[in-house]
């Protein structure tokens, strides 16, 4: 059927598999065909659950694991030095499991310092230190990761960055903080929506200037690949066309995307990216925890509605909890289906949520601050949901009154910028 064809196509798009050295032979082709057929019938398309080798995807010239690691919540345990022993364990586990794809940004840093305007670039520097420590240890032991660690970072558009050179300068600073010759993937964090003087009829979009800046970074050889974030099909095609004039490929587009976040142009954007050969990276893959199974109306109601202290391990604000309660009350029937699939497969609910995104051809970027979290995320690789499982979850998710749009000031289609919320649309 056409739906089965689309499903299989998304699987093929989402998984790069290591082929036999004799794949050119008729015997090998027949063997692979029969193997694939049996796995579709049996429910697993891809490698086995016990082995993540080969469960990779591509972002431009990069070979990456099918599940990445978001670092927006990473920070140092010290106000004076960049050190975090727990995050060092996270990096070690990811490195040794061929799952070292880290997504960061120049604006990520300690929450307190960032709030005071002092944490700019801190997470980039922290990642450099953590990775350097791990690679040095591996080299000393005579071992190495089979898949090279990849770090993606982002340029933040703002009213004061008005030239091509401003992009190159920011890129150079990120490159130095990351301690690399070339940045693996350099992304624009969002469209140029931060326009504080728009209400007075002043200001204009600098998107095209930033695209030219990406092209210049690529041509100077300080980045291996370039990408964007929060672009819908229209802006995406314009950006790709501009870059193509310089012979620069657009490698990726990072958007909010999950089982309950396919509305407001998200699914259409994923489809357009696949058509254009642009890899989708998915942030908010758990819908801020709703798709991990740890939140319910009851559990959220038991949380103090004041701003929660970081020492509790929960960083949800009162506004976020209020919004999450609304979602939690409506997704219970969906979560029952996800729970059953997880139980049948011996997986966690979170692993099912991540594997769903992989099956749709995107690379989920869940956050991970502990070794337990990164191990659970890694467990989403090495297997695939069946067509029936995916359709049953989507059928129930489509019954929801509205899709996930974020909580509190953390939105899927906008950013709080001090003077208000600036929004973008995936159209």
Foldseek 3Di string as FASTA:
>chain_A
DVLVVLLVVLLVLLFAADADPVCVDPVRVVVVVVVQVVCQVVFWHFFALVAQVRRWHDQQVFTAHLAAAECLPDEAPDPVDRDDVQVLLLCLLCFQRRHQEYEEEQLRYDPVCSVVVRGGNVVLLSQLVSVVVNQVVCVVVVHGRPGDHAYEYEDEADPVQQALVSLVVVLVVSLVSNVHQAHAEYEHEEFNQHDPCVVVVDDDGRRLRPLSSVLVCVVVPRYDAYEYEPAALVVVVVSQVSSVVSVHGHRAYEAADWLQPCPQRNVVRLVSCVVVVHAYEHECLCLLVLQQPPDALVVLVPDDLDQDDVVVVDGDHNQQSVVVNVVRDQCVVLSVLLVVVCVVVVAGSVLSGQLLQSSSSHHYHYHDSGNVVSVNNSSSGRTHGHPVSSVVSSVSSVPDPHGRQGTDQDGRFWHQDPVGIGGDGND
